[in-house]
Amino acid sequence: MIHSLYKILTFVRRKLQCWLNMATVGVKAMIINDKSEILLVKHTYMSGWHLPGGGVEPGETPKTAIIREIREETGIAVQGEPHLFAIYTHQIMGASDYPMLYIVKDFMSMAKAKLCSEIAKAQWFHVQDLPADITESTQLRIKEYLEGLPPAERW
């Protein structure tokens, strides 16, 4: 029930943004551990594996937002400075969104952390063994970073 309501509210919000020509700013994190694994999440409201992240709240800096989103979605506390990798453009239901991708390598797992209700699962995957149902955009962002490719303009 809650997940259906979330989908409906997201749809309404995106349509309003489109009609009012309003853009959103989002943040995503590529969290890489010392075993060459990347942490991915599965949402309760959409399919596939994604990089953790979310929206930047009013008055919040992108850096503060990515630290908050990582904690909420994965139970990880960022220790060092998140490194901004790239800024992209993206269309969601006709509304403009500008996701910023951060690289995070200095972190600590929080004991007994509870994931937020929008995350069904968080899991580490080796960079050479990514899941079959990873989203295309997530796979492309990982490839850009690992292979030193110039970031695309579109998410």
C-alpha atoms as a PDB file:
ATOM      1  CA  MET A   1       0.000   0.000   0.000  1.00  0.00           C
ATOM      2  CA  ILE A   2       2.725   2.469   1.003  1.00  0.00           C
ATOM      3  CA  HIS A   3       4.767   1.613  -2.105  1.00  0.00           C
ATOM      4  CA  SER A   4       1.749   2.190  -4.368  1.00  0.00           C
ATOM      5  CA  LEU A   5       1.133   5.541  -2.697  1.00  0.00           C
ATOM      6  CA  TYR A   6       4.803   6.447  -3.183  1.00  0.00           C
ATOM      7  CA  LYS A   7       4.547   5.666  -6.920  1.00  0.00           C
ATOM      8  CA  ILE A   8       1.417   7.803  -7.256  1.00  0.00           C
ATOM      9  CA  LEU A   9       2.898  10.748  -5.353  1.00  0.00           C
ATOM     10  CA  THR A  10       6.102  10.548  -7.400  1.00  0.00           C
ATOM     11  CA  PHE A  11       4.102  10.556 -10.624  1.00  0.00           C
ATOM     12  CA  VAL A  12       2.065  13.602  -9.521  1.00  0.00           C
ATOM     13  CA  ARG A  13       5.194  15.451  -8.369  1.00  0.00           C
ATOM     14  CA  ARG A  14       7.017  14.825 -11.665  1.00  0.00           C
ATOM     15  CA  LYS A  15       4.002  15.916 -13.723  1.00  0.00           C
ATOM     16  CA  LEU A  16       3.729  19.150 -11.702  1.00  0.00           C
ATOM     17  CA  GLN A  17       7.431  19.765 -12.214  1.00  0.00           C
ATOM     18  CA  CYS A  18       7.001  19.272 -15.946  1.00  0.00           C
ATOM     19  CA  TRP A  19       4.009  21.595 -16.188  1.00  0.00           C
ATOM     20  CA  LEU A  20       5.687  24.276 -14.055  1.00  0.00           C
ATOM     21  CA  ASN A  21       9.032  23.849 -15.856  1.00  0.00           C
ATOM     22  CA  MET A  22      10.815  23.115 -12.575  1.00  0.00           C
ATOM     23  CA  ALA A  23      14.011  21.050 -12.387  1.00  0.00           C
ATOM     24  CA  THR A  24      15.334  18.856  -9.597  1.00  0.00           C
ATOM     25  CA  VAL A  25      18.880  18.182  -8.463  1.00  0.00           C
ATOM     26  CA  GLY A  26      19.802  14.672  -7.445  1.00  0.00           C
ATOM     27  CA  VAL A  27      22.834  12.892  -6.077  1.00  0.00           C
ATOM     28  CA  LYS A  28      24.135   9.369  -6.671  1.00  0.00           C
ATOM     29  CA  ALA A  29      27.075   7.576  -5.081  1.00  0.00           C
ATOM     30  CA  MET A  30      29.475   4.999  -6.418  1.00  0.00           C
ATOM     31  CA  ILE A  31      30.716   3.437  -3.180  1.00  0.00           C
ATOM     32  CA  ILE A  32      33.801   1.307  -3.773  1.00  0.00           C
ATOM     33  CA  ASN A  33      35.447  -0.867  -1.116  1.00  0.00           C
ATOM     34  CA  ASP A  34      39.016  -2.193  -0.939  1.00  0.00           C
ATOM     35  CA  LYS A  35      37.921  -5.497  -2.556  1.00  0.00           C
ATOM     36  CA  SER A  36      36.937  -3.703  -5.811  1.00  0.00           C
ATOM     37  CA  GLU A  37      33.257  -4.107  -4.986  1.00  0.00           C
ATOM     38  CA  ILE A  38      30.545  -1.533  -5.622  1.00  0.00           C
ATOM     39  CA  LEU A  39      27.494  -1.171  -3.391  1.00  0.00           C
ATOM     40  CA  LEU A  40      24.201  -1.225  -5.298  1.00  0.00           C
ATOM     41  CA  VAL A  41      20.614  -0.937  -4.107  1.00  0.00           C
ATOM     42  CA  LYS A  42      17.247  -2.305  -5.194  1.00  0.00           C
ATOM     43  CA  HIS A  43      14.313   0.009  -4.668  1.00  0.00           C
ATOM     44  CA  THR A  44      10.888  -1.145  -3.578  1.00  0.00           C
ATOM     45  CA  TYR A  45       9.189   0.909  -6.297  1.00  0.00           C
ATOM     46  CA  MET A  46      11.261   0.204  -9.444  1.00  0.00           C
ATOM     47  CA  SER A  47      13.199  -2.683 -10.916  1.00  0.00           C
ATOM     48  CA  GLY A  48      16.907  -3.248 -11.321  1.00  0.00           C
ATOM     49  CA  TRP A  49      20.022  -2.482  -9.330  1.00  0.00           C
ATOM     50  CA  HIS A  50      20.967   1.189  -8.930  1.00  0.00           C
ATOM     51  CA  LEU A  51      23.613   3.362  -7.361  1.00  0.00           C
ATOM     52  CA  PRO A  52      22.337   4.720  -4.038  1.00  0.00           C
ATOM     53  CA  GLY A  53      21.157   8.314  -3.983  1.00  0.00           C
ATOM     54  CA  GLY A  54      18.210  10.650  -4.082  1.00  0.00           C
ATOM     55  CA  GLY A  55      17.102  14.228  -4.211  1.00  0.00           C
ATOM     56  CA  VAL A  56      18.776  17.299  -2.792  1.00  0.00           C
ATOM     57  CA  GLU A  57      16.380  18.867  -0.296  1.00  0.00           C
ATOM     58  CA  PRO A  58      15.700  22.651  -0.288  1.00  0.00           C
ATOM     59  CA  GLY A  59      18.522  24.457   1.492  1.00  0.00           C
ATOM     60  CA  GLU A  60      20.728  21.333   1.473  1.00  0.00           C
ATOM     61  CA  THR A  61      24.089  21.163  -0.283  1.00  0.00           C
ATOM     62  CA  PRO A  62      24.698  18.284  -2.698  1.00  0.00           C
ATOM     63  CA  LYS A  63      27.545  17.040  -0.468  1.00  0.00           C
ATOM     64  CA  THR A  64      25.281  16.984   2.582  1.00  0.00           C
ATOM     65  CA  ALA A  65      22.582  15.272   0.510  1.00  0.00           C
ATOM     66  CA  ILE A  66      24.840  12.466  -0.696  1.00  0.00           C
ATOM     67  CA  ILE A  67      26.134  11.796   2.816  1.00  0.00           C
ATOM     68  CA  ARG A  68      22.520  11.660   4.099  1.00  0.00           C
ATOM     69  CA  GLU A  69      21.269   9.480   1.222  1.00  0.00           C
ATOM     70  CA  ILE A  70      24.137   7.001   1.644  1.00  0.00           C
ATOM     71  CA  ARG A  71      23.392   6.680   5.369  1.00  0.00           C
ATOM     72  CA  GLU A  72      19.627   6.289   4.809  1.00  0.00           C
ATOM     73  CA  GLU A  73      19.835   3.840   1.894  1.00  0.00           C
ATOM     74  CA  THR A  74      22.848   1.726   2.821  1.00  0.00           C
ATOM     75  CA  GLY A  75      23.681   2.190   6.507  1.00  0.00           C
ATOM     76  CA  ILE A  76      27.128   3.502   5.633  1.00  0.00           C
ATOM     77  CA  ALA A  77      28.724   6.556   7.245  1.00  0.00           C
ATOM     78  CA  VAL A  78      30.926   8.556   4.883  1.00  0.00           C
ATOM     79  CA  GLN A  79      34.266   9.273   6.567  1.00  0.00           C
ATOM     80  CA  GLY A  80      36.259  11.242   3.994  1.00  0.00           C
ATOM     81  CA  GLU A  81      35.317  13.764   1.381  1.00  0.00           C
ATOM     82  CA  PRO A  82      32.980  12.469  -1.361  1.00  0.00           C
ATOM     83  CA  HIS A  83      34.587  13.187  -4.748  1.00  0.00           C
ATOM     84  CA  LEU A  84      32.326  14.764  -7.399  1.00  0.00           C
ATOM     85  CA  PHE A  85      32.818  12.726 -10.582  1.00  0.00           C
ATOM     86  CA  ALA A  86      30.291  14.295 -12.971  1.00  0.00           C
ATOM     87  CA  ILE A  87      27.015  16.178 -13.369  1.00  0.00           C
ATOM     88  CA  TYR A  88      24.470  14.792 -15.814  1.00  0.00           C
ATOM     89  CA  THR A  89      21.122  15.758 -17.256  1.00  0.00           C
ATOM     90  CA  HIS A  90      18.133  13.429 -17.173  1.00  0.00           C
ATOM     91  CA  GLN A  91      14.425  13.516 -18.028  1.00  0.00           C
ATOM     92  CA  ILE A  92      11.984  11.838 -15.638  1.00  0.00           C
ATOM     93  CA  MET A  93       8.391  11.789 -16.884  1.00  0.00           C
ATOM     94  CA  GLY A  94       9.131  14.955 -18.871  1.00  0.00           C
ATOM     95  CA  ALA A  95      10.691  16.809 -15.917  1.00  0.00           C
ATOM     96  CA  SER A  96      14.343  17.891 -15.952  1.00  0.00           C
ATOM     97  CA  ASP A  97      16.653  16.383 -13.354  1.00  0.00           C
ATOM     98  CA  TYR A  98      20.358  16.993 -12.814  1.00  0.00           C
ATOM     99  CA  PRO A  99      22.004  14.060 -11.027  1.00  0.00           C
ATOM    100  CA  MET A 100      25.493  14.538  -9.585  1.00  0.00           C
ATOM    101  CA  LEU A 101      27.637  11.428  -9.259  1.00  0.00           C
ATOM    102  CA  TYR A 102      30.006  11.191  -6.294  1.00  0.00           C
ATOM    103  CA  ILE A 103      32.743   8.617  -5.721  1.00  0.00           C
ATOM    104  CA  VAL A 104      33.053   7.393  -2.123  1.00  0.00           C
ATOM    105  CA  LYS A 105      35.941   5.211  -0.961  1.00  0.00           C
ATOM    106  CA  ASP A 106      36.372   6.297   2.664  1.00  0.00           C
ATOM    107  CA  PHE A 107      33.459   5.041   4.766  1.00  0.00           C
ATOM    108  CA  MET A 108      32.424   2.929   7.724  1.00  0.00           C
ATOM    109  CA  SER A 109      29.500   0.516   7.964  1.00  0.00           C
ATOM    110  CA  MET A 110      27.184   1.414  10.826  1.00  0.00           C
ATOM    111  CA  ALA A 111      26.333  -1.507  13.101  1.00  0.00           C
ATOM    112  CA  LYS A 112      22.657  -2.476  13.150  1.00  0.00           C
ATOM    113  CA  ALA A 113      21.758   0.152  10.559  1.00  0.00           C
ATOM    114  CA  LYS A 114      18.205  -0.055   9.275  1.00  0.00           C
ATOM    115  CA  LEU A 115      17.678   0.772   5.613  1.00  0.00           C
ATOM    116  CA  CYS A 116      14.982   3.283   4.711  1.00  0.00           C
ATOM    117  CA  SER A 117      11.629   1.914   3.576  1.00  0.00           C
ATOM    118  CA  GLU A 118      12.243   2.662  -0.109  1.00  0.00           C
ATOM    119  CA  ILE A 119      15.213   0.261  -0.269  1.00  0.00           C
ATOM    120  CA  ALA A 120      14.450  -3.456  -0.609  1.00  0.00           C
ATOM    121  CA  LYS A 121      18.079  -4.564  -0.607  1.00  0.00           C
ATOM    122  CA  ALA A 122      21.659  -3.235  -0.579  1.00  0.00           C
ATOM    123  CA  GLN A 123      24.442  -5.524  -1.756  1.00  0.00           C
ATOM    124  CA  TRP A 124      28.127  -5.446  -2.713  1.00  0.00           C
ATOM    125  CA  PHE A 125      29.106  -6.658  -6.197  1.00  0.00           C
ATOM    126  CA  HIS A 126      32.604  -7.138  -7.582  1.00  0.00           C
ATOM    127  CA  VAL A 127      33.218  -4.800 -10.533  1.00  0.00           C
ATOM    128  CA  GLN A 128      33.808  -7.863 -12.753  1.00  0.00           C
ATOM    129  CA  ASP A 129      30.620  -9.595 -11.585  1.00  0.00           C
ATOM    130  CA  LEU A 130      27.796  -7.053 -11.706  1.00  0.00           C
ATOM    131  CA  PRO A 131      24.207  -8.361 -11.545  1.00  0.00           C
ATOM    132  CA  ALA A 132      22.331  -9.160 -14.759  1.00  0.00           C
ATOM    133  CA  ASP A 133      19.481  -6.794 -13.864  1.00  0.00           C
ATOM    134  CA  ILE A 134      21.651  -3.728 -13.242  1.00  0.00           C
ATOM    135  CA  THR A 135      20.166  -0.679 -14.940  1.00  0.00           C
ATOM    136  CA  GLU A 136      21.837   0.473 -18.142  1.00  0.00           C
ATOM    137  CA  SER A 137      22.597   3.937 -16.756  1.00  0.00           C
ATOM    138  CA  THR A 138      24.164   2.462 -13.599  1.00  0.00           C
ATOM    139  CA  GLN A 139      26.322   0.140 -15.689  1.00  0.00           C
ATOM    140  CA  LEU A 140      27.410   3.034 -17.927  1.00  0.00           C
ATOM    141  CA  ARG A 141      28.382   5.220 -14.951  1.00  0.00           C
ATOM    142  CA  ILE A 142      30.482   2.389 -13.498  1.00  0.00           C
ATOM    143  CA  LYS A 143      32.164   1.853 -16.876  1.00  0.00           C
ATOM    144  CA  GLU A 144      32.905   5.577 -17.248  1.00  0.00           C
ATOM    145  CA  TYR A 145      34.623   5.677 -13.890  1.00  0.00           C
ATOM    146  CA  LEU A 146      36.507   2.366 -14.016  1.00  0.00           C
ATOM    147  CA  GLU A 147      37.717   2.769 -17.603  1.00  0.00           C
ATOM    148  CA  GLY A 148      38.556   6.460 -17.281  1.00  0.00           C
ATOM    149  CA  LEU A 149      36.060   7.426 -19.981  1.00  0.00           C
ATOM    150  CA  PRO A 150      34.763  10.970 -20.226  1.00  0.00           C
ATOM    151  CA  PRO A 151      31.363  11.161 -18.507  1.00  0.00           C
ATOM    152  CA  ALA A 152      28.354  11.292 -20.813  1.00  0.00           C
ATOM    153  CA  GLU A 153      26.156  14.376 -20.624  1.00  0.00           C
ATOM    154  CA  ARG A 154      22.949  12.371 -20.137  1.00  0.00           C
ATOM    155  CA  TRP A 155      22.319  10.003 -17.247  1.00  0.00           C
END
